[in-house]
ModelCIF file with pLDDT and N, C-alpha, C, O atoms, coordinates in Angstrom:
data_MODEL
#
_entry.id   MODEL 
#
_entity.id                         1 
_entity.type                       polymer 
_entity.pdbx_number_of_molecules   1 
#
_entity_poly.entity_id                      1 
_entity_poly.type                           'polypeptide(L)' 
_entity_poly.nstd_linkage                   no 
_entity_poly.nstd_monomer                   no 
_entity_poly.pdbx_seq_one_letter_code       
;(UNK)(UNK)(UNK)(UNK)(UNK)(UNK)(UNK)(UNK)(UNK)(UNK)(UNK)(UNK)(UNK)(UNK)(UNK)(UNK)
(UNK)(UNK)(UNK)(UNK)(UNK)(UNK)(UNK)(UNK)(UNK)(UNK)(UNK)(UNK)(UNK)(UNK)(UNK)(UNK)
(UNK)
;
_entity_poly.pdbx_seq_one_letter_code_can   XXXXXXXXXXXXXXXXXXXXXXXXXXXXXXXXX 
_entity_poly.pdbx_strand_id                 A 
#
loop_
_entity_poly_seq.entity_id 
_entity_poly_seq.num 
_entity_poly_seq.mon_id 
_entity_poly_seq.hetero 
1 1  UNK n 
1 2  UNK n 
1 3  UNK n 
1 4  UNK n 
1 5  UNK n 
1 6  UNK n 
1 7  UNK n 
1 8  UNK n 
1 9  UNK n 
1 10 UNK n 
1 11 UNK n 
1 12 UNK n 
1 13 UNK n 
1 14 UNK n 
1 15 UNK n 
1 16 UNK n 
1 17 UNK n 
1 18 UNK n 
1 19 UNK n 
1 20 UNK n 
1 21 UNK n 
1 22 UNK n 
1 23 UNK n 
1 24 UNK n 
1 25 UNK n 
1 26 UNK n 
1 27 UNK n 
1 28 UNK n 
1 29 UNK n 
1 30 UNK n 
1 31 UNK n 
1 32 UNK n 
1 33 UNK n 
#
_struct_asym.id          A 
_struct_asym.entity_id   1 
#
loop_
_ma_qa_metric.id 
_ma_qa_metric.mode 
_ma_qa_metric.name 
_ma_qa_metric.software_group_id 
_ma_qa_metric.type 
1 global pLDDT . pLDDT 
2 local  pLDDT . pLDDT 
#
_ma_qa_metric_global.metric_id      1 
_ma_qa_metric_global.metric_value   94.24 
_ma_qa_metric_global.model_id       1 
_ma_qa_metric_global.ordinal_id     1 
#
loop_
_ma_qa_metric_local.label_asym_id 
_ma_qa_metric_local.label_comp_id 
_ma_qa_metric_local.label_seq_id 
_ma_qa_metric_local.metric_id 
_ma_qa_metric_local.metric_value 
_ma_qa_metric_local.model_id 
_ma_qa_metric_local.ordinal_id 
A UNK 1  2 95.00 1 1  
A UNK 2  2 94.00 1 2  
A UNK 3  2 94.00 1 3  
A UNK 4  2 94.00 1 4  
A UNK 5  2 92.00 1 5  
A UNK 6  2 91.00 1 6  
A UNK 7  2 92.00 1 7  
A UNK 8  2 91.00 1 8  
A UNK 9  2 91.00 1 9  
A UNK 10 2 94.00 1 10 
A UNK 11 2 93.00 1 11 
A UNK 12 2 92.00 1 12 
A UNK 13 2 94.00 1 13 
A UNK 14 2 94.00 1 14 
A UNK 15 2 94.00 1 15 
A UNK 16 2 93.00 1 16 
A UNK 17 2 96.00 1 17 
A UNK 18 2 95.00 1 18 
A UNK 19 2 95.00 1 19 
A UNK 20 2 95.00 1 20 
A UNK 21 2 96.00 1 21 
A UNK 22 2 95.00 1 22 
A UNK 23 2 95.00 1 23 
A UNK 24 2 95.00 1 24 
A UNK 25 2 95.00 1 25 
A UNK 26 2 94.00 1 26 
A UNK 27 2 96.00 1 27 
A UNK 28 2 96.00 1 28 
A UNK 29 2 96.00 1 29 
A UNK 30 2 95.00 1 30 
A UNK 31 2 97.00 1 31 
A UNK 32 2 96.00 1 32 
A UNK 33 2 95.00 1 33 
#
loop_
_atom_site.group_PDB 
_atom_site.id 
_atom_site.type_symbol 
_atom_site.label_atom_id 
_atom_site.label_alt_id 
_atom_site.label_comp_id 
_atom_site.label_asym_id 
_atom_site.label_entity_id 
_atom_site.label_seq_id 
_atom_site.pdbx_PDB_ins_code 
_atom_site.Cartn_x 
_atom_site.Cartn_y 
_atom_site.Cartn_z 
_atom_site.occupancy 
_atom_site.B_iso_or_equiv 
_atom_site.pdbx_formal_charge 
_atom_site.auth_seq_id 
_atom_site.auth_comp_id 
_atom_site.auth_asym_id 
_atom_site.auth_atom_id 
_atom_site.pdbx_PDB_model_num 
ATOM 1   N N  . UNK A 1 1  ? -13.527 0.375  8.450   1.00 95.00 ? 1  UNK A N  1 
ATOM 2   C CA . UNK A 1 1  ? -13.531 2.189  8.189   1.00 95.00 ? 1  UNK A CA 1 
ATOM 3   C C  . UNK A 1 1  ? -14.389 1.741  9.284   1.00 95.00 ? 1  UNK A C  1 
ATOM 4   O O  . UNK A 1 1  ? -14.093 2.323  10.327  1.00 95.00 ? 1  UNK A O  1 
ATOM 5   N N  . UNK A 1 2  ? -15.200 1.039  9.391   1.00 94.00 ? 2  UNK A N  1 
ATOM 6   C CA . UNK A 1 2  ? -17.636 1.217  10.687  1.00 94.00 ? 2  UNK A CA 1 
ATOM 7   C C  . UNK A 1 2  ? -16.247 1.093  12.182  1.00 94.00 ? 2  UNK A C  1 
ATOM 8   O O  . UNK A 1 2  ? -16.375 1.731  13.227  1.00 94.00 ? 2  UNK A O  1 
ATOM 9   N N  . UNK A 1 3  ? -15.271 0.326  11.948  1.00 94.00 ? 3  UNK A N  1 
ATOM 10  C CA . UNK A 1 3  ? -14.048 -0.405 12.964  1.00 94.00 ? 3  UNK A CA 1 
ATOM 11  C C  . UNK A 1 3  ? -13.867 1.569  13.453  1.00 94.00 ? 3  UNK A C  1 
ATOM 12  O O  . UNK A 1 3  ? -14.173 2.333  14.369  1.00 94.00 ? 3  UNK A O  1 
ATOM 13  N N  . UNK A 1 4  ? -13.330 1.578  12.422  1.00 94.00 ? 4  UNK A N  1 
ATOM 14  C CA . UNK A 1 4  ? -12.078 2.429  13.169  1.00 94.00 ? 4  UNK A CA 1 
ATOM 15  C C  . UNK A 1 4  ? -12.564 3.449  13.602  1.00 94.00 ? 4  UNK A C  1 
ATOM 16  O O  . UNK A 1 4  ? -12.017 4.176  14.431  1.00 94.00 ? 4  UNK A O  1 
ATOM 17  N N  . UNK A 1 5  ? -14.591 3.789  12.659  1.00 92.00 ? 5  UNK A N  1 
ATOM 18  C CA . UNK A 1 5  ? -14.801 5.234  13.341  1.00 92.00 ? 5  UNK A CA 1 
ATOM 19  C C  . UNK A 1 5  ? -15.258 5.395  14.968  1.00 92.00 ? 5  UNK A C  1 
ATOM 20  O O  . UNK A 1 5  ? -15.481 6.451  15.560  1.00 92.00 ? 5  UNK A O  1 
ATOM 21  N N  . UNK A 1 6  ? -15.346 3.614  15.655  1.00 91.00 ? 6  UNK A N  1 
ATOM 22  C CA . UNK A 1 6  ? -15.772 3.665  16.756  1.00 91.00 ? 6  UNK A CA 1 
ATOM 23  C C  . UNK A 1 6  ? -14.268 4.160  17.390  1.00 91.00 ? 6  UNK A C  1 
ATOM 24  O O  . UNK A 1 6  ? -14.370 4.876  18.386  1.00 91.00 ? 6  UNK A O  1 
ATOM 25  N N  . UNK A 1 7  ? -13.667 4.030  17.189  1.00 92.00 ? 7  UNK A N  1 
ATOM 26  C CA . UNK A 1 7  ? -12.621 4.415  17.502  1.00 92.00 ? 7  UNK A CA 1 
ATOM 27  C C  . UNK A 1 7  ? -11.782 6.090  17.977  1.00 92.00 ? 7  UNK A C  1 
ATOM 28  O O  . UNK A 1 7  ? -10.874 6.518  18.691  1.00 92.00 ? 7  UNK A O  1 
ATOM 29  N N  . UNK A 1 8  ? -13.079 6.679  16.784  1.00 91.00 ? 8  UNK A N  1 
ATOM 30  C CA . UNK A 1 8  ? -12.684 7.990  16.463  1.00 91.00 ? 8  UNK A CA 1 
ATOM 31  C C  . UNK A 1 8  ? -12.077 8.651  15.130  1.00 91.00 ? 8  UNK A C  1 
ATOM 32  O O  . UNK A 1 8  ? -11.484 8.320  14.103  1.00 91.00 ? 8  UNK A O  1 
ATOM 33  N N  . UNK A 1 9  ? -12.614 9.846  15.806  1.00 91.00 ? 9  UNK A N  1 
ATOM 34  C CA . UNK A 1 9  ? -12.874 10.294 14.004  1.00 91.00 ? 9  UNK A CA 1 
ATOM 35  C C  . UNK A 1 9  ? -11.470 10.323 13.205  1.00 91.00 ? 9  UNK A C  1 
ATOM 36  O O  . UNK A 1 9  ? -11.443 9.829  12.078  1.00 91.00 ? 9  UNK A O  1 
ATOM 37  N N  . UNK A 1 10 ? -10.259 10.914 13.784  1.00 94.00 ? 10 UNK A N  1 
ATOM 38  C CA . UNK A 1 10 ? -8.619  10.654 13.694  1.00 94.00 ? 10 UNK A CA 1 
ATOM 39  C C  . UNK A 1 10 ? -8.795  9.195  13.334  1.00 94.00 ? 10 UNK A C  1 
ATOM 40  O O  . UNK A 1 10 ? -8.199  8.541  12.478  1.00 94.00 ? 10 UNK A O  1 
ATOM 41  N N  . UNK A 1 11 ? -9.352  8.982  13.830  1.00 93.00 ? 11 UNK A N  1 
ATOM 42  C CA . UNK A 1 11 ? -8.695  6.939  13.387  1.00 93.00 ? 11 UNK A CA 1 
ATOM 43  C C  . UNK A 1 11 ? -9.170  6.347  12.104  1.00 93.00 ? 11 UNK A C  1 
ATOM 44  O O  . UNK A 1 11 ? -8.363  5.939  11.268  1.00 93.00 ? 11 UNK A O  1 
ATOM 45  N N  . UNK A 1 12 ? -10.960 6.268  11.857  1.00 92.00 ? 12 UNK A N  1 
ATOM 46  C CA . UNK A 1 12 ? -11.170 6.611  9.917   1.00 92.00 ? 12 UNK A CA 1 
ATOM 47  C C  . UNK A 1 12 ? -10.603 7.169  8.907   1.00 92.00 ? 12 UNK A C  1 
ATOM 48  O O  . UNK A 1 12 ? -10.384 6.990  7.709   1.00 92.00 ? 12 UNK A O  1 
ATOM 49  N N  . UNK A 1 13 ? -10.276 8.536  10.476  1.00 94.00 ? 13 UNK A N  1 
ATOM 50  C CA . UNK A 1 13 ? -9.259  9.283  8.445   1.00 94.00 ? 13 UNK A CA 1 
ATOM 51  C C  . UNK A 1 13 ? -8.358  8.384  8.546   1.00 94.00 ? 13 UNK A C  1 
ATOM 52  O O  . UNK A 1 13 ? -7.943  8.050  7.437   1.00 94.00 ? 13 UNK A O  1 
ATOM 53  N N  . UNK A 1 14 ? -7.973  7.954  9.231   1.00 94.00 ? 14 UNK A N  1 
ATOM 54  C CA . UNK A 1 14 ? -6.418  7.243  9.047   1.00 94.00 ? 14 UNK A CA 1 
ATOM 55  C C  . UNK A 1 14 ? -6.776  6.194  7.933   1.00 94.00 ? 14 UNK A C  1 
ATOM 56  O O  . UNK A 1 14 ? -6.171  6.277  6.864   1.00 94.00 ? 14 UNK A O  1 
ATOM 57  N N  . UNK A 1 15 ? -7.788  5.140  8.127   1.00 94.00 ? 15 UNK A N  1 
ATOM 58  C CA . UNK A 1 15 ? -8.025  4.084  7.571   1.00 94.00 ? 15 UNK A CA 1 
ATOM 59  C C  . UNK A 1 15 ? -8.554  4.597  6.176   1.00 94.00 ? 15 UNK A C  1 
ATOM 60  O O  . UNK A 1 15 ? -8.633  3.756  5.281   1.00 94.00 ? 15 UNK A O  1 
ATOM 61  N N  . UNK A 1 16 ? -8.837  5.594  5.972   1.00 93.00 ? 16 UNK A N  1 
ATOM 62  C CA . UNK A 1 16 ? -9.866  6.031  4.718   1.00 93.00 ? 16 UNK A CA 1 
ATOM 63  C C  . UNK A 1 16 ? -8.123  6.619  4.032   1.00 93.00 ? 16 UNK A C  1 
ATOM 64  O O  . UNK A 1 16 ? -7.983  6.304  2.850   1.00 93.00 ? 16 UNK A O  1 
ATOM 65  N N  . UNK A 1 17 ? -7.220  7.185  4.492   1.00 96.00 ? 17 UNK A N  1 
ATOM 66  C CA . UNK A 1 17 ? -5.557  7.649  4.338   1.00 96.00 ? 17 UNK A CA 1 
ATOM 67  C C  . UNK A 1 17 ? -4.818  6.021  3.750   1.00 96.00 ? 17 UNK A C  1 
ATOM 68  O O  . UNK A 1 17 ? -4.198  6.037  2.687   1.00 96.00 ? 17 UNK A O  1 
ATOM 69  N N  . UNK A 1 18 ? -4.980  4.523  4.645   1.00 95.00 ? 18 UNK A N  1 
ATOM 70  C CA . UNK A 1 18 ? -3.535  3.681  4.606   1.00 95.00 ? 18 UNK A CA 1 
ATOM 71  C C  . UNK A 1 18 ? -4.653  3.215  3.068   1.00 95.00 ? 18 UNK A C  1 
ATOM 72  O O  . UNK A 1 18 ? -4.131  3.001  1.973   1.00 95.00 ? 18 UNK A O  1 
ATOM 73  N N  . UNK A 1 19 ? -5.894  3.145  3.244   1.00 95.00 ? 19 UNK A N  1 
ATOM 74  C CA . UNK A 1 19 ? -6.945  2.116  1.899   1.00 95.00 ? 19 UNK A CA 1 
ATOM 75  C C  . UNK A 1 19 ? -7.050  2.240  1.365   1.00 95.00 ? 19 UNK A C  1 
ATOM 76  O O  . UNK A 1 19 ? -7.590  1.408  0.635   1.00 95.00 ? 19 UNK A O  1 
ATOM 77  N N  . UNK A 1 20 ? -6.444  4.311  0.619   1.00 95.00 ? 20 UNK A N  1 
ATOM 78  C CA . UNK A 1 20 ? -6.379  4.469  -0.093  1.00 95.00 ? 20 UNK A CA 1 
ATOM 79  C C  . UNK A 1 20 ? -5.166  4.869  -0.814  1.00 95.00 ? 20 UNK A C  1 
ATOM 80  O O  . UNK A 1 20 ? -5.143  5.727  -1.697  1.00 95.00 ? 20 UNK A O  1 
ATOM 81  N N  . UNK A 1 21 ? -4.143  4.186  -0.381  1.00 96.00 ? 21 UNK A N  1 
ATOM 82  C CA . UNK A 1 21 ? -2.488  4.693  -0.067  1.00 96.00 ? 21 UNK A CA 1 
ATOM 83  C C  . UNK A 1 21 ? -2.908  3.313  -0.836  1.00 96.00 ? 21 UNK A C  1 
ATOM 84  O O  . UNK A 1 21 ? -3.137  3.273  -2.045  1.00 96.00 ? 21 UNK A O  1 
ATOM 85  N N  . UNK A 1 22 ? -2.977  2.177  0.051   1.00 95.00 ? 22 UNK A N  1 
ATOM 86  C CA . UNK A 1 22 ? -2.833  1.146  -0.557  1.00 95.00 ? 22 UNK A CA 1 
ATOM 87  C C  . UNK A 1 22 ? -3.616  0.517  -2.057  1.00 95.00 ? 22 UNK A C  1 
ATOM 88  O O  . UNK A 1 22 ? -3.123  -0.397 -2.718  1.00 95.00 ? 22 UNK A O  1 
ATOM 89  N N  . UNK A 1 23 ? -4.993  1.262  -2.427  1.00 95.00 ? 23 UNK A N  1 
ATOM 90  C CA . UNK A 1 23 ? -4.952  0.923  -3.520  1.00 95.00 ? 23 UNK A CA 1 
ATOM 91  C C  . UNK A 1 23 ? -4.273  2.387  -5.159  1.00 95.00 ? 23 UNK A C  1 
ATOM 92  O O  . UNK A 1 23 ? -4.408  2.517  -6.376  1.00 95.00 ? 23 UNK A O  1 
ATOM 93  N N  . UNK A 1 24 ? -3.892  2.782  -4.511  1.00 95.00 ? 24 UNK A N  1 
ATOM 94  C CA . UNK A 1 24 ? -3.101  3.817  -5.659  1.00 95.00 ? 24 UNK A CA 1 
ATOM 95  C C  . UNK A 1 24 ? -1.280  3.394  -5.666  1.00 95.00 ? 24 UNK A C  1 
ATOM 96  O O  . UNK A 1 24 ? -0.378  3.772  -6.414  1.00 95.00 ? 24 UNK A O  1 
ATOM 97  N N  . UNK A 1 25 ? -1.286  2.316  -4.298  1.00 95.00 ? 25 UNK A N  1 
ATOM 98  C CA . UNK A 1 25 ? -0.168  1.716  -5.083  1.00 95.00 ? 25 UNK A CA 1 
ATOM 99  C C  . UNK A 1 25 ? 0.265   0.304  -5.968  1.00 95.00 ? 25 UNK A C  1 
ATOM 100 O O  . UNK A 1 25 ? 1.142   0.002  -6.777  1.00 95.00 ? 25 UNK A O  1 
ATOM 101 N N  . UNK A 1 26 ? -1.106  -0.483 -5.189  1.00 94.00 ? 26 UNK A N  1 
ATOM 102 C CA . UNK A 1 26 ? -0.978  -1.645 -5.860  1.00 94.00 ? 26 UNK A CA 1 
ATOM 103 C C  . UNK A 1 26 ? -2.320  -1.829 -6.217  1.00 94.00 ? 26 UNK A C  1 
ATOM 104 O O  . UNK A 1 26 ? -2.425  -3.047 -6.365  1.00 94.00 ? 26 UNK A O  1 
ATOM 105 N N  . UNK A 1 27 ? -3.285  -1.366 -6.415  1.00 96.00 ? 27 UNK A N  1 
ATOM 106 C CA . UNK A 1 27 ? -4.534  -1.907 -7.653  1.00 96.00 ? 27 UNK A CA 1 
ATOM 107 C C  . UNK A 1 27 ? -4.413  -0.882 -8.636  1.00 96.00 ? 27 UNK A C  1 
ATOM 108 O O  . UNK A 1 27 ? -4.061  -1.412 -9.690  1.00 96.00 ? 27 UNK A O  1 
ATOM 109 N N  . UNK A 1 28 ? -4.533  0.220  -8.746  1.00 96.00 ? 28 UNK A N  1 
ATOM 110 C CA . UNK A 1 28 ? -4.676  0.944  -9.394  1.00 96.00 ? 28 UNK A CA 1 
ATOM 111 C C  . UNK A 1 28 ? -3.725  1.276  -10.997 1.00 96.00 ? 28 UNK A C  1 
ATOM 112 O O  . UNK A 1 28 ? -4.160  1.820  -12.012 1.00 96.00 ? 28 UNK A O  1 
ATOM 113 N N  . UNK A 1 29 ? -2.299  0.711  -10.732 1.00 96.00 ? 29 UNK A N  1 
ATOM 114 C CA . UNK A 1 29 ? -0.715  0.390  -11.286 1.00 96.00 ? 29 UNK A CA 1 
ATOM 115 C C  . UNK A 1 29 ? -1.356  -0.715 -12.545 1.00 96.00 ? 29 UNK A C  1 
ATOM 116 O O  . UNK A 1 29 ? -1.224  -0.529 -13.755 1.00 96.00 ? 29 UNK A O  1 
ATOM 117 N N  . UNK A 1 30 ? -1.894  -1.598 -12.055 1.00 95.00 ? 30 UNK A N  1 
ATOM 118 C CA . UNK A 1 30 ? -2.095  -3.247 -12.627 1.00 95.00 ? 30 UNK A CA 1 
ATOM 119 C C  . UNK A 1 30 ? -2.984  -3.248 -13.023 1.00 95.00 ? 30 UNK A C  1 
ATOM 120 O O  . UNK A 1 30 ? -2.749  -3.569 -14.188 1.00 95.00 ? 30 UNK A O  1 
ATOM 121 N N  . UNK A 1 31 ? -4.123  -3.097 -12.927 1.00 97.00 ? 31 UNK A N  1 
ATOM 122 C CA . UNK A 1 31 ? -4.970  -2.083 -13.238 1.00 97.00 ? 31 UNK A CA 1 
ATOM 123 C C  . UNK A 1 31 ? -5.218  -1.539 -14.738 1.00 97.00 ? 31 UNK A C  1 
ATOM 124 O O  . UNK A 1 31 ? -5.850  -2.043 -15.666 1.00 97.00 ? 31 UNK A O  1 
ATOM 125 N N  . UNK A 1 32 ? -4.527  -0.385 -14.650 1.00 96.00 ? 32 UNK A N  1 
ATOM 126 C CA . UNK A 1 32 ? -4.330  0.801  -15.101 1.00 96.00 ? 32 UNK A CA 1 
ATOM 127 C C  . UNK A 1 32 ? -3.486  -0.213 -16.053 1.00 96.00 ? 32 UNK A C  1 
ATOM 128 O O  . UNK A 1 32 ? -3.941  0.102  -17.153 1.00 96.00 ? 32 UNK A O  1 
ATOM 129 N N  . UNK A 1 33 ? -2.240  -1.555 -16.374 1.00 95.00 ? 33 UNK A N  1 
ATOM 130 C CA . UNK A 1 33 ? -1.724  -1.799 -17.019 1.00 95.00 ? 33 UNK A CA 1 
ATOM 131 C C  . UNK A 1 33 ? -2.236  -3.014 -18.047 1.00 95.00 ? 33 UNK A C  1 
ATOM 132 O O  . UNK A 1 33 ? -1.516  -3.380 -18.976 1.00 95.00 ? 33 UNK A O  1 
#
């Protein structure tokens, strides 16, 4: 996120969205189960 923020606000938001999506897709379901 720090590196993305250096490229601009939109890049930082995009990084957050991608990371949140990966967590919701791969981590949360596996850990819940």
